[in-house]
Amino acid sequence: MNELTASVTSKDRMVTVKVGSQGQVVSMTFHTNGYREMAPAELAKVLTDSLNEARAAVGEQVAERIGRFDGMGETLRLSMTGGTELDEILEPLWAMRPGYEPEDQKKKTDRQEEFHG
């Protein structure tokens, strides 16, 4: 994630800006000398628009990668406490354990059982 970047070239192709995953400016490359004749406010707008567009682009990349982990916490929780397709996969291994009792035959209690590792 730290190595993600996004580059945007201004509409007039005068400058390309590159930002990192946290929105930091990595580089600015001026392709023409047109900026020398621009009013300060005009140059500021070109730079601001380009930087904001690049930040939005890298933000989308970050969100896409983070989105892949959506629901992962719930899946891990269920796999540790039972209740996922992992139960079916692990059932033959659990059945080999001395004193194993299938889930549907266990006594239901309201308290959590102690783990004796």
PDB file of N, CA and C in Angstrom:
ATOM      1  N   MET A   1       0.817  -1.186   0.000  1.00  0.00           N
ATOM      2  CA  MET A   1       0.000   0.000   0.000  1.00  0.00           C
ATOM      3  C   MET A   1       0.864   1.254   0.000  1.00  0.00           C
ATOM      4  N   ASN A   2       1.944   1.220   0.736  1.00  0.00           N
ATOM      5  CA  ASN A   2       2.790   2.402   0.809  1.00  0.00           C
ATOM      6  C   ASN A   2       3.415   2.760  -0.524  1.00  0.00           C
ATOM      7  N   GLU A   3       3.489   1.803  -1.421  1.00  0.00           N
ATOM      8  CA  GLU A   3       4.128   2.046  -2.710  1.00  0.00           C
ATOM      9  C   GLU A   3       3.147   2.467  -3.803  1.00  0.00           C
ATOM     10  N   LEU A   4       1.857   2.550  -3.479  1.00  0.00           N
ATOM     11  CA  LEU A   4       0.872   2.982  -4.464  1.00  0.00           C
ATOM     12  C   LEU A   4       1.115   4.428  -4.854  1.00  0.00           C
ATOM     13  N   THR A   5       0.949   4.729  -6.131  1.00  0.00           N
ATOM     14  CA  THR A   5       1.048   6.103  -6.623  1.00  0.00           C
ATOM     15  C   THR A   5      -0.005   6.315  -7.707  1.00  0.00           C
ATOM     16  N   ALA A   6      -0.282   7.587  -7.977  1.00  0.00           N
ATOM     17  CA  ALA A   6      -1.153   7.949  -9.092  1.00  0.00           C
ATOM     18  C   ALA A   6      -0.577   9.196  -9.730  1.00  0.00           C
ATOM     19  N   SER A   7      -0.587   9.222 -11.043  1.00  0.00           N
ATOM     20  CA  SER A   7      -0.092  10.372 -11.794  1.00  0.00           C
ATOM     21  C   SER A   7      -1.228  10.954 -12.616  1.00  0.00           C
ATOM     22  N   VAL A   8      -1.253  12.284 -12.695  1.00  0.00           N
ATOM     23  CA  VAL A   8      -2.255  12.985 -13.491  1.00  0.00           C
ATOM     24  C   VAL A   8      -1.549  14.088 -14.257  1.00  0.00           C
ATOM     25  N   THR A   9      -1.884  14.201 -15.533  1.00  0.00           N
ATOM     26  CA  THR A   9      -1.375  15.285 -16.366  1.00  0.00           C
ATOM     27  C   THR A   9      -2.488  16.311 -16.528  1.00  0.00           C
ATOM     28  N   SER A  10      -2.141  17.579 -16.382  1.00  0.00           N
ATOM     29  CA  SER A  10      -3.136  18.643 -16.500  1.00  0.00           C
ATOM     30  C   SER A  10      -3.769  18.632 -17.884  1.00  0.00           C
ATOM     31  N   LYS A  11      -4.956  19.225 -17.986  1.00  0.00           N
ATOM     32  CA  LYS A  11      -5.689  19.225 -19.250  1.00  0.00           C
ATOM     33  C   LYS A  11      -4.899  19.883 -20.373  1.00  0.00           C
ATOM     34  N   ASP A  12      -4.103  20.897 -20.032  1.00  0.00           N
ATOM     35  CA  ASP A  12      -3.315  21.590 -21.060  1.00  0.00           C
ATOM     36  C   ASP A  12      -1.963  20.906 -21.307  1.00  0.00           C
ATOM     37  N   ARG A  13      -1.748  19.777 -20.655  1.00  0.00           N
ATOM     38  CA  ARG A  13      -0.524  18.965 -20.785  1.00  0.00           C
ATOM     39  C   ARG A  13       0.745  19.711 -20.356  1.00  0.00           C
ATOM     40  N   MET A  14       0.576  20.711 -19.516  1.00  0.00           N
ATOM     41  CA  MET A  14       1.711  21.495 -19.060  1.00  0.00           C
ATOM     42  C   MET A  14       2.474  20.800 -17.936  1.00  0.00           C
ATOM     43  N   VAL A  15       1.751  20.111 -17.052  1.00  0.00           N
ATOM     44  CA  VAL A  15       2.381  19.525 -15.876  1.00  0.00           C
ATOM     45  C   VAL A  15       1.790  18.155 -15.574  1.00  0.00           C
ATOM     46  N   THR A  16       2.641  17.275 -15.060  1.00  0.00           N
ATOM     47  CA  THR A  16       2.202  15.973 -14.549  1.00  0.00           C
ATOM     48  C   THR A  16       2.596  15.916 -13.086  1.00  0.00           C
ATOM     49  N   VAL A  17       1.623  15.555 -12.250  1.00  0.00           N
ATOM     50  CA  VAL A  17       1.900  15.418 -10.815  1.00  0.00           C
ATOM     51  C   VAL A  17       1.735  13.958 -10.430  1.00  0.00           C
ATOM     52  N   LYS A  18       2.514  13.545  -9.455  1.00  0.00           N
ATOM     53  CA  LYS A  18       2.460  12.166  -8.962  1.00  0.00           C
ATOM     54  C   LYS A  18       2.344  12.235  -7.448  1.00  0.00           C
ATOM     55  N   VAL A  19       1.363  11.511  -6.898  1.00  0.00           N
ATOM     56  CA  VAL A  19       1.171  11.481  -5.448  1.00  0.00           C
ATOM     57  C   VAL A  19       1.261  10.054  -4.937  1.00  0.00           C
ATOM     58  N   GLY A  20       1.599   9.938  -3.648  1.00  0.00           N
ATOM     59  CA  GLY A  20       1.696   8.634  -3.006  1.00  0.00           C
ATOM     60  C   GLY A  20       0.400   8.248  -2.334  1.00  0.00           C
ATOM     61  N   SER A  21       0.394   7.093  -1.693  1.00  0.00           N
ATOM     62  CA  SER A  21      -0.818   6.519  -1.108  1.00  0.00           C
ATOM     63  C   SER A  21      -1.410   7.345   0.019  1.00  0.00           C
ATOM     64  N   GLN A  22      -0.613   8.205   0.616  1.00  0.00           N
ATOM     65  CA  GLN A  22      -1.128   9.057   1.688  1.00  0.00           C
ATOM     66  C   GLN A  22      -1.360  10.483   1.202  1.00  0.00           C
ATOM     67  N   GLY A  23      -1.373  10.660  -0.110  1.00  0.00           N
ATOM     68  CA  GLY A  23      -1.639  11.961  -0.691  1.00  0.00           C
ATOM     69  C   GLY A  23      -0.427  12.865  -0.798  1.00  0.00           C
ATOM     70  N   GLN A  24       0.727  12.364  -0.415  1.00  0.00           N
ATOM     71  CA  GLN A  24       1.935  13.182  -0.469  1.00  0.00           C
ATOM     72  C   GLN A  24       2.378  13.384  -1.911  1.00  0.00           C
ATOM     73  N   VAL A  25       2.912  14.567  -2.199  1.00  0.00           N
ATOM     74  CA  VAL A  25       3.400  14.859  -3.543  1.00  0.00           C
ATOM     75  C   VAL A  25       4.733  14.152  -3.724  1.00  0.00           C
ATOM     76  N   VAL A  26       4.805  13.281  -4.729  1.00  0.00           N
ATOM     77  CA  VAL A  26       6.021  12.529  -5.015  1.00  0.00           C
ATOM     78  C   VAL A  26       6.862  13.277  -6.050  1.00  0.00           C
ATOM     79  N   SER A  27       6.183  13.812  -7.080  1.00  0.00           N
ATOM     80  CA  SER A  27       6.921  14.566  -8.100  1.00  0.00           C
ATOM     81  C   SER A  27       5.988  15.474  -8.874  1.00  0.00           C
ATOM     82  N   MET A  28       6.587  16.487  -9.496  1.00  0.00           N
ATOM     83  CA  MET A  28       5.918  17.391 -10.425  1.00  0.00           C
ATOM     84  C   MET A  28       6.840  17.588 -11.604  1.00  0.00           C
ATOM     85  N   THR A  29       6.325  17.344 -12.797  1.00  0.00           N
ATOM     86  CA  THR A  29       7.134  17.498 -14.007  1.00  0.00           C
ATOM     87  C   THR A  29       6.450  18.496 -14.929  1.00  0.00           C
ATOM     88  N   PHE A  30       7.135  19.567 -15.240  1.00  0.00           N
ATOM     89  CA  PHE A  30       6.606  20.562 -16.175  1.00  0.00           C
ATOM     90  C   PHE A  30       7.088  20.183 -17.571  1.00  0.00           C
ATOM     91  N   HIS A  31       6.139  20.021 -18.505  1.00  0.00           N
ATOM     92  CA  HIS A  31       6.461  19.588 -19.857  1.00  0.00           C
ATOM     93  C   HIS A  31       6.685  20.765 -20.809  1.00  0.00           C
ATOM     94  N   THR A  32       6.231  21.937 -20.413  1.00  0.00           N
ATOM     95  CA  THR A  32       6.416  23.150 -21.226  1.00  0.00           C
ATOM     96  C   THR A  32       6.854  24.284 -20.306  1.00  0.00           C
ATOM     97  N   ASN A  33       7.180  25.394 -20.907  1.00  0.00           N
ATOM     98  CA  ASN A  33       7.515  26.591 -20.133  1.00  0.00           C
ATOM     99  C   ASN A  33       6.315  27.521 -20.010  1.00  0.00           C
ATOM    100  N   GLY A  34       5.148  27.035 -20.371  1.00  0.00           N
ATOM    101  CA  GLY A  34       3.932  27.833 -20.339  1.00  0.00           C
ATOM    102  C   GLY A  34       3.611  28.407 -18.967  1.00  0.00           C
ATOM    103  N   TYR A  35       4.032  27.749 -17.927  1.00  0.00           N
ATOM    104  CA  TYR A  35       3.766  28.226 -16.569  1.00  0.00           C
ATOM    105  C   TYR A  35       4.412  29.574 -16.300  1.00  0.00           C
ATOM    106  N   ARG A  36       5.452  29.919 -17.042  1.00  0.00           N
ATOM    107  CA  ARG A  36       6.167  31.187 -16.827  1.00  0.00           C
ATOM    108  C   ARG A  36       5.317  32.396 -17.202  1.00  0.00           C
ATOM    109  N   GLU A  37       4.401  32.210 -18.153  1.00  0.00           N
ATOM    110  CA  GLU A  37       3.555  33.314 -18.578  1.00  0.00           C
ATOM    111  C   GLU A  37       2.189  33.311 -17.894  1.00  0.00           C
ATOM    112  N   MET A  38       1.941  32.356 -17.029  1.00  0.00           N
ATOM    113  CA  MET A  38       0.632  32.251 -16.378  1.00  0.00           C
ATOM    114  C   MET A  38       0.557  33.186 -15.184  1.00  0.00           C
ATOM    115  N   ALA A  39      -0.650  33.675 -14.943  1.00  0.00           N
ATOM    116  CA  ALA A  39      -0.898  34.445 -13.724  1.00  0.00           C
ATOM    117  C   ALA A  39      -0.770  33.482 -12.544  1.00  0.00           C
ATOM    118  N   PRO A  40      -0.302  33.953 -11.404  1.00  0.00           N
ATOM    119  CA  PRO A  40      -0.144  33.073 -10.237  1.00  0.00           C
ATOM    120  C   PRO A  40      -1.415  32.293  -9.885  1.00  0.00           C
ATOM    121  N   ALA A  41      -2.566  32.958  -9.943  1.00  0.00           N
ATOM    122  CA  ALA A  41      -3.825  32.287  -9.604  1.00  0.00           C
ATOM    123  C   ALA A  41      -4.147  31.186 -10.613  1.00  0.00           C
ATOM    124  N   GLU A  42      -3.836  31.416 -11.875  1.00  0.00           N
ATOM    125  CA  GLU A  42      -4.087  30.426 -12.919  1.00  0.00           C
ATOM    126  C   GLU A  42      -3.198  29.197 -12.726  1.00  0.00           C
ATOM    127  N   LEU A  43      -1.902  29.433 -12.449  1.00  0.00           N
ATOM    128  CA  LEU A  43      -0.980  28.328 -12.195  1.00  0.00           C
ATOM    129  C   LEU A  43      -1.401  27.558 -10.945  1.00  0.00           C
ATOM    130  N   ALA A  44      -1.803  28.289  -9.919  1.00  0.00           N
ATOM    131  CA  ALA A  44      -2.245  27.635  -8.683  1.00  0.00           C
ATOM    132  C   ALA A  44      -3.446  26.730  -8.943  1.00  0.00           C
ATOM    133  N   LYS A  45      -4.373  27.189  -9.779  1.00  0.00           N
ATOM    134  CA  LYS A  45      -5.550  26.377 -10.089  1.00  0.00           C
ATOM    135  C   LYS A  45      -5.168  25.110 -10.844  1.00  0.00           C
ATOM    136  N   VAL A  46      -4.279  25.225 -11.823  1.00  0.00           N
ATOM    137  CA  VAL A  46      -3.838  24.044 -12.584  1.00  0.00           C
ATOM    138  C   VAL A  46      -3.185  23.038 -11.641  1.00  0.00           C
ATOM    139  N   LEU A  47      -2.304  23.513 -10.771  1.00  0.00           N
ATOM    140  CA  LEU A  47      -1.615  22.608  -9.841  1.00  0.00           C
ATOM    141  C   LEU A  47      -2.589  21.990  -8.834  1.00  0.00           C
ATOM    142  N   THR A  48      -3.467  22.810  -8.281  1.00  0.00           N
ATOM    143  CA  THR A  48      -4.437  22.315  -7.297  1.00  0.00           C
ATOM    144  C   THR A  48      -5.367  21.275  -7.909  1.00  0.00           C
ATOM    145  N   ASP A  49      -5.886  21.570  -9.102  1.00  0.00           N
ATOM    146  CA  ASP A  49      -6.790  20.617  -9.762  1.00  0.00           C
ATOM    147  C   ASP A  49      -6.079  19.294 -10.067  1.00  0.00           C
ATOM    148  N   SER A  50      -4.862  19.394 -10.566  1.00  0.00           N
ATOM    149  CA  SER A  50      -4.108  18.175 -10.905  1.00  0.00           C
ATOM    150  C   SER A  50      -3.788  17.352  -9.656  1.00  0.00           C
ATOM    151  N   LEU A  51      -3.361  18.031  -8.604  1.00  0.00           N
ATOM    152  CA  LEU A  51      -3.046  17.323  -7.356  1.00  0.00           C
ATOM    153  C   LEU A  51      -4.290  16.669  -6.762  1.00  0.00           C
ATOM    154  N   ASN A  52      -5.408  17.380  -6.763  1.00  0.00           N
ATOM    155  CA  ASN A  52      -6.639  16.806  -6.213  1.00  0.00           C
ATOM    156  C   ASN A  52      -7.113  15.606  -7.025  1.00  0.00           C
ATOM    157  N   GLU A  53      -6.962  15.672  -8.333  1.00  0.00           N
ATOM    158  CA  GLU A  53      -7.347  14.544  -9.181  1.00  0.00           C
ATOM    159  C   GLU A  53      -6.447  13.335  -8.918  1.00  0.00           C
ATOM    160  N   ALA A  54      -5.156  13.583  -8.756  1.00  0.00           N
ATOM    161  CA  ALA A  54      -4.216  12.488  -8.472  1.00  0.00           C
ATOM    162  C   ALA A  54      -4.491  11.881  -7.095  1.00  0.00           C
ATOM    163  N   ARG A  55      -4.798  12.730  -6.122  1.00  0.00           N
ATOM    164  CA  ARG A  55      -5.119  12.213  -4.774  1.00  0.00           C
ATOM    165  C   ARG A  55      -6.376  11.360  -4.804  1.00  0.00           C
ATOM    166  N   ALA A  56      -7.363  11.789  -5.573  1.00  0.00           N
ATOM    167  CA  ALA A  56      -8.593  10.999  -5.688  1.00  0.00           C
ATOM    168  C   ALA A  56      -8.301   9.652  -6.353  1.00  0.00           C
ATOM    169  N   ALA A  57      -7.446   9.662  -7.362  1.00  0.00           N
ATOM    170  CA  ALA A  57      -7.105   8.413  -8.066  1.00  0.00           C
ATOM    171  C   ALA A  57      -6.384   7.436  -7.150  1.00  0.00           C
ATOM    172  N   VAL A  58      -5.434   7.929  -6.366  1.00  0.00           N
ATOM    173  CA  VAL A  58      -4.723   7.022  -5.455  1.00  0.00           C
ATOM    174  C   VAL A  58      -5.655   6.581  -4.328  1.00  0.00           C
ATOM    175  N   GLY A  59      -6.567   7.449  -3.928  1.00  0.00           N
ATOM    176  CA  GLY A  59      -7.558   7.075  -2.914  1.00  0.00           C
ATOM    177  C   GLY A  59      -8.439   5.932  -3.379  1.00  0.00           C
ATOM    178  N   GLU A  60      -8.803   5.944  -4.665  1.00  0.00           N
ATOM    179  CA  GLU A  60      -9.591   4.846  -5.230  1.00  0.00           C
ATOM    180  C   GLU A  60      -8.809   3.543  -5.212  1.00  0.00           C
ATOM    181  N   GLN A  61      -7.516   3.622  -5.502  1.00  0.00           N
ATOM    182  CA  GLN A  61      -6.671   2.417  -5.476  1.00  0.00           C
ATOM    183  C   GLN A  61      -6.605   1.845  -4.061  1.00  0.00           C
ATOM    184  N   VAL A  62      -6.439   2.735  -3.081  1.00  0.00           N
ATOM    185  CA  VAL A  62      -6.367   2.298  -1.682  1.00  0.00           C
ATOM    186  C   VAL A  62      -7.692   1.659  -1.276  1.00  0.00           C
ATOM    187  N   ALA A  63      -8.800   2.326  -1.609  1.00  0.00           N
ATOM    188  CA  ALA A  63     -10.120   1.799  -1.247  1.00  0.00           C
ATOM    189  C   ALA A  63     -10.379   0.445  -1.895  1.00  0.00           C
ATOM    190  N   GLU A  64      -9.932   0.282  -3.137  1.00  0.00           N
ATOM    191  CA  GLU A  64     -10.107  -0.995  -3.833  1.00  0.00           C
ATOM    192  C   GLU A  64      -9.359  -2.111  -3.115  1.00  0.00           C
ATOM    193  N   ARG A  65      -8.138  -1.828  -2.700  1.00  0.00           N
ATOM    194  CA  ARG A  65      -7.344  -2.859  -2.024  1.00  0.00           C
ATOM    195  C   ARG A  65      -7.882  -3.159  -0.631  1.00  0.00           C
ATOM    196  N   ILE A  66      -8.323  -2.150   0.072  1.00  0.00           N
ATOM    197  CA  ILE A  66      -8.892  -2.354   1.403  1.00  0.00           C
ATOM    198  C   ILE A  66     -10.212  -3.110   1.296  1.00  0.00           C
ATOM    199  N   GLY A  67     -10.970  -2.828   0.249  1.00  0.00           N
ATOM    200  CA  GLY A  67     -12.252  -3.489   0.038  1.00  0.00           C
ATOM    201  C   GLY A  67     -12.140  -4.986  -0.081  1.00  0.00           C
ATOM    202  N   ARG A  68     -10.989  -5.463  -0.516  1.00  0.00           N
ATOM    203  CA  ARG A  68     -10.780  -6.909  -0.633  1.00  0.00           C
ATOM    204  C   ARG A  68     -10.835  -7.596   0.732  1.00  0.00           C
ATOM    205  N   PHE A  69     -10.623  -6.832   1.805  1.00  0.00           N
ATOM    206  CA  PHE A  69     -10.637  -7.403   3.151  1.00  0.00           C
ATOM    207  C   PHE A  69     -12.004  -7.271   3.817  1.00  0.00           C
ATOM    208  N   ASP A  70     -12.965  -6.719   3.088  1.00  0.00           N
ATOM    209  CA  ASP A  70     -14.310  -6.560   3.625  1.00  0.00           C
ATOM    210  C   ASP A  70     -14.856  -7.907   4.075  1.00  0.00           C
ATOM    211  N   GLY A  71     -15.329  -7.987   5.288  1.00  0.00           N
ATOM    212  CA  GLY A  71     -15.892  -9.216   5.807  1.00  0.00           C
ATOM    213  C   GLY A  71     -14.867 -10.212   6.325  1.00  0.00           C
ATOM    214  N   MET A  72     -13.592  -9.898   6.182  1.00  0.00           N
ATOM    215  CA  MET A  72     -12.546 -10.826   6.608  1.00  0.00           C
ATOM    216  C   MET A  72     -12.592 -11.052   8.123  1.00  0.00           C
ATOM    217  N   GLY A  73     -12.858 -10.007   8.872  1.00  0.00           N
ATOM    218  CA  GLY A  73     -12.931 -10.148  10.328  1.00  0.00           C
ATOM    219  C   GLY A  73     -14.017 -11.119  10.747  1.00  0.00           C
ATOM    220  N   GLU A  74     -15.171 -11.006  10.113  1.00  0.00           N
ATOM    221  CA  GLU A  74     -16.279 -11.907  10.430  1.00  0.00           C
ATOM    222  C   GLU A  74     -15.932 -13.341  10.042  1.00  0.00           C
ATOM    223  N   THR A  75     -15.296 -13.524   8.903  1.00  0.00           N
ATOM    224  CA  THR A  75     -14.896 -14.860   8.461  1.00  0.00           C
ATOM    225  C   THR A  75     -13.905 -15.476   9.439  1.00  0.00           C
ATOM    226  N   LEU A  76     -12.925 -14.681   9.873  1.00  0.00           N
ATOM    227  CA  LEU A  76     -11.956 -15.192  10.844  1.00  0.00           C
ATOM    228  C   LEU A  76     -12.625 -15.541  12.167  1.00  0.00           C
ATOM    229  N   ARG A  77     -13.521 -14.669  12.620  1.00  0.00           N
ATOM    230  CA  ARG A  77     -14.212 -14.925  13.877  1.00  0.00           C
ATOM    231  C   ARG A  77     -15.006 -16.222  13.788  1.00  0.00           C
ATOM    232  N   LEU A  78     -15.747 -16.404  12.707  1.00  0.00           N
ATOM    233  CA  LEU A  78     -16.543 -17.617  12.552  1.00  0.00           C
ATOM    234  C   LEU A  78     -15.674 -18.857  12.432  1.00  0.00           C
ATOM    235  N   SER A  79     -14.528 -18.726  11.748  1.00  0.00           N
ATOM    236  CA  SER A  79     -13.678 -19.903  11.591  1.00  0.00           C
ATOM    237  C   SER A  79     -13.030 -20.301  12.913  1.00  0.00           C
ATOM    238  N   MET A  80     -12.864 -19.346  13.809  1.00  0.00           N
ATOM    239  CA  MET A  80     -12.268 -19.656  15.114  1.00  0.00           C
ATOM    240  C   MET A  80     -13.310 -20.192  16.088  1.00  0.00           C
ATOM    241  N   THR A  81     -14.564 -19.819  15.889  1.00  0.00           N
ATOM    242  CA  THR A  81     -15.600 -20.244  16.815  1.00  0.00           C
ATOM    243  C   THR A  81     -16.540 -21.277  16.220  1.00  0.00           C
ATOM    244  N   GLY A  82     -16.298 -21.661  14.990  1.00  0.00           N
ATOM    245  CA  GLY A  82     -17.170 -22.609  14.304  1.00  0.00           C
ATOM    246  C   GLY A  82     -18.228 -21.857  13.522  1.00  0.00           C
ATOM    247  N   GLY A  83     -18.796 -22.523  12.550  1.00  0.00           N
ATOM    248  CA  GLY A  83     -19.878 -21.905  11.818  1.00  0.00           C
ATOM    249  C   GLY A  83     -19.552 -21.542  10.385  1.00  0.00           C
ATOM    250  N   THR A  84     -18.474 -22.042   9.830  1.00  0.00           N
ATOM    251  CA  THR A  84     -18.170 -21.769   8.419  1.00  0.00           C
ATOM    252  C   THR A  84     -17.953 -23.081   7.689  1.00  0.00           C
ATOM    253  N   GLU A  85     -17.693 -22.979   6.394  1.00  0.00           N
ATOM    254  CA  GLU A  85     -17.426 -24.188   5.608  1.00  0.00           C
ATOM    255  C   GLU A  85     -16.155 -24.885   6.082  1.00  0.00           C
ATOM    256  N   LEU A  86     -15.326 -24.197   6.862  1.00  0.00           N
ATOM    257  CA  LEU A  86     -14.139 -24.840   7.428  1.00  0.00           C
ATOM    258  C   LEU A  86     -14.524 -25.993   8.356  1.00  0.00           C
ATOM    259  N   ASP A  87     -15.687 -25.874   8.989  1.00  0.00           N
ATOM    260  CA  ASP A  87     -16.145 -26.961   9.863  1.00  0.00           C
ATOM    261  C   ASP A  87     -16.256 -28.269   9.090  1.00  0.00           C
ATOM    262  N   GLU A  88     -16.813 -28.197   7.893  1.00  0.00           N
ATOM    263  CA  GLU A  88     -16.971 -29.400   7.072  1.00  0.00           C
ATOM    264  C   GLU A  88     -15.615 -29.965   6.657  1.00  0.00           C
ATOM    265  N   ILE A  89     -14.693 -29.082   6.329  1.00  0.00           N
ATOM    266  CA  ILE A  89     -13.363 -29.506   5.893  1.00  0.00           C
ATOM    267  C   ILE A  89     -12.595 -30.149   7.053  1.00  0.00           C
ATOM    268  N   LEU A  90     -12.721 -29.575   8.258  1.00  0.00           N
ATOM    269  CA  LEU A  90     -11.957 -30.047   9.411  1.00  0.00           C
ATOM    270  C   LEU A  90     -12.640 -31.181  10.172  1.00  0.00           C
ATOM    271  N   GLU A  91     -13.897 -31.459   9.877  1.00  0.00           N
ATOM    272  CA  GLU A  91     -14.650 -32.493  10.599  1.00  0.00           C
ATOM    273  C   GLU A  91     -13.912 -33.836  10.681  1.00  0.00           C
ATOM    274  N   PRO A  92     -13.344 -34.366   9.576  1.00  0.00           N
ATOM    275  CA  PRO A  92     -12.633 -35.654   9.669  1.00  0.00           C
ATOM    276  C   PRO A  92     -11.428 -35.592  10.610  1.00  0.00           C
ATOM    277  N   LEU A  93     -10.739 -34.459  10.667  1.00  0.00           N
ATOM    278  CA  LEU A  93      -9.602 -34.336  11.578  1.00  0.00           C
ATOM    279  C   LEU A  93     -10.068 -34.276  13.022  1.00  0.00           C
ATOM    280  N   TRP A  94     -11.127 -33.519  13.269  1.00  0.00           N
ATOM    281  CA  TRP A  94     -11.645 -33.437  14.636  1.00  0.00           C
ATOM    282  C   TRP A  94     -12.136 -34.803  15.113  1.00  0.00           C
ATOM    283  N   ALA A  95     -12.710 -35.591  14.206  1.00  0.00           N
ATOM    284  CA  ALA A  95     -13.249 -36.899  14.576  1.00  0.00           C
ATOM    285  C   ALA A  95     -12.154 -37.843  15.058  1.00  0.00           C
ATOM    286  N   MET A  96     -10.907 -37.617  14.649  1.00  0.00           N
ATOM    287  CA  MET A  96      -9.788 -38.459  15.084  1.00  0.00           C
ATOM    288  C   MET A  96      -9.350 -38.133  16.506  1.00  0.00           C
ATOM    289  N   ARG A  97      -9.767 -37.016  17.044  1.00  0.00           N
ATOM    290  CA  ARG A  97      -9.347 -36.577  18.372  1.00  0.00           C
ATOM    291  C   ARG A  97     -10.058 -37.396  19.454  1.00  0.00           C
ATOM    292  N   PRO A  98      -9.308 -37.883  20.455  1.00  0.00           N
ATOM    293  CA  PRO A  98      -9.951 -38.646  21.539  1.00  0.00           C
ATOM    294  C   PRO A  98     -11.011 -37.803  22.244  1.00  0.00           C
ATOM    295  N   GLY A  99     -12.150 -38.412  22.493  1.00  0.00           N
ATOM    296  CA  GLY A  99     -13.217 -37.721  23.210  1.00  0.00           C
ATOM    297  C   GLY A  99     -14.018 -36.767  22.341  1.00  0.00           C
ATOM    298  N   TYR A 100     -13.823 -36.826  21.032  1.00  0.00           N
ATOM    299  CA  TYR A 100     -14.552 -35.937  20.123  1.00  0.00           C
ATOM    300  C   TYR A 100     -16.032 -36.258  20.119  1.00  0.00           C
ATOM    301  N   GLU A 101     -16.827 -35.220  20.142  1.00  0.00           N
ATOM    302  CA  GLU A 101     -18.267 -35.370  20.082  1.00  0.00           C
ATOM    303  C   GLU A 101     -18.788 -34.418  19.005  1.00  0.00           C
ATOM    304  N   PRO A 102     -19.493 -34.897  17.999  1.00  0.00           N
ATOM    305  CA  PRO A 102     -20.008 -34.017  16.945  1.00  0.00           C
ATOM    306  C   PRO A 102     -20.825 -32.867  17.529  1.00  0.00           C
ATOM    307  N   GLU A 103     -20.785 -31.731  16.874  1.00  0.00           N
ATOM    308  CA  GLU A 103     -21.435 -30.509  17.354  1.00  0.00           C
ATOM    309  C   GLU A 103     -22.918 -30.718  17.642  1.00  0.00           C
ATOM    310  N   ASP A 104     -23.607 -31.460  16.794  1.00  0.00           N
ATOM    311  CA  ASP A 104     -25.045 -31.642  16.974  1.00  0.00           C
ATOM    312  C   ASP A 104     -25.386 -32.561  18.146  1.00  0.00           C
ATOM    313  N   GLN A 105     -24.377 -33.280  18.709  1.00  0.00           N
ATOM    314  CA  GLN A 105     -24.615 -34.157  19.838  1.00  0.00           C
ATOM    315  C   GLN A 105     -24.132 -33.561  21.152  1.00  0.00           C
ATOM    316  N   LYS A 106     -23.443 -32.428  21.080  1.00  0.00           N
ATOM    317  CA  LYS A 106     -22.948 -31.780  22.295  1.00  0.00           C
ATOM    318  C   LYS A 106     -24.106 -31.181  23.068  1.00  0.00           C
ATOM    319  N   LYS A 107     -23.941 -31.148  24.379  1.00  0.00           N
ATOM    320  CA  LYS A 107     -24.943 -30.501  25.224  1.00  0.00           C
ATOM    321  C   LYS A 107     -24.811 -28.995  25.040  1.00  0.00           C
ATOM    322  N   LYS A 108     -25.925 -28.341  24.873  1.00  0.00           N
ATOM    323  CA  LYS A 108     -25.932 -26.890  24.717  1.00  0.00           C
ATOM    324  C   LYS A 108     -25.921 -26.258  26.110  1.00  0.00           C
ATOM    325  N   THR A 109     -24.976 -25.373  26.335  1.00  0.00           N
ATOM    326  CA  THR A 109     -24.901 -24.659  27.607  1.00  0.00           C
ATOM    327  C   THR A 109     -24.823 -23.171  27.327  1.00  0.00           C
ATOM    328  N   ASP A 110     -25.152 -22.376  28.327  1.00  0.00           N
ATOM    329  CA  ASP A 110     -25.097 -20.922  28.180  1.00  0.00           C
ATOM    330  C   ASP A 110     -23.749 -20.353  28.528  1.00  0.00           C
ATOM    331  N   ARG A 111     -22.867 -21.159  29.078  1.00  0.00           N
ATOM    332  CA  ARG A 111     -21.556 -20.633  29.485  1.00  0.00           C
ATOM    333  C   ARG A 111     -20.478 -21.117  28.513  1.00  0.00           C
ATOM    334  N   GLN A 112     -19.425 -20.336  28.449  1.00  0.00           N
ATOM    335  CA  GLN A 112     -18.304 -20.694  27.578  1.00  0.00           C
ATOM    336  C   GLN A 112     -17.464 -21.757  28.262  1.00  0.00           C
ATOM    337  N   GLU A 113     -17.072 -22.768  27.512  1.00  0.00           N
ATOM    338  CA  GLU A 113     -16.256 -23.819  28.090  1.00  0.00           C
ATOM    339  C   GLU A 113     -14.815 -23.382  28.191  1.00  0.00           C
ATOM    340  N   GLU A 114     -14.138 -23.928  29.169  1.00  0.00           N
ATOM    341  CA  GLU A 114     -12.733 -23.594  29.399  1.00  0.00           C
ATOM    342  C   GLU A 114     -11.836 -24.333  28.421  1.00  0.00           C
ATOM    343  N   PHE A 115     -10.804 -23.667  27.963  1.00  0.00           N
ATOM    344  CA  PHE A 115      -9.847 -24.283  27.026  1.00  0.00           C
ATOM    345  C   PHE A 115      -8.662 -24.818  27.812  1.00  0.00           C
ATOM    346  N   HIS A 116      -8.309 -26.076  27.589  1.00  0.00           N
ATOM    347  CA  HIS A 116      -7.183 -26.712  28.305  1.00  0.00           C
ATOM    348  C   HIS A 116      -6.045 -27.059  27.373  1.00  0.00           C
ATOM    349  N   GLY A 117      -5.971 -26.379  26.222  1.00  0.00           N
ATOM    350  CA  GLY A 117      -4.935 -26.517  25.227  1.00  0.00           C
ATOM    351  C   GLY A 117      -4.259 -27.790  25.186  1.00  0.00           C
TER     352      GLY A 117
END
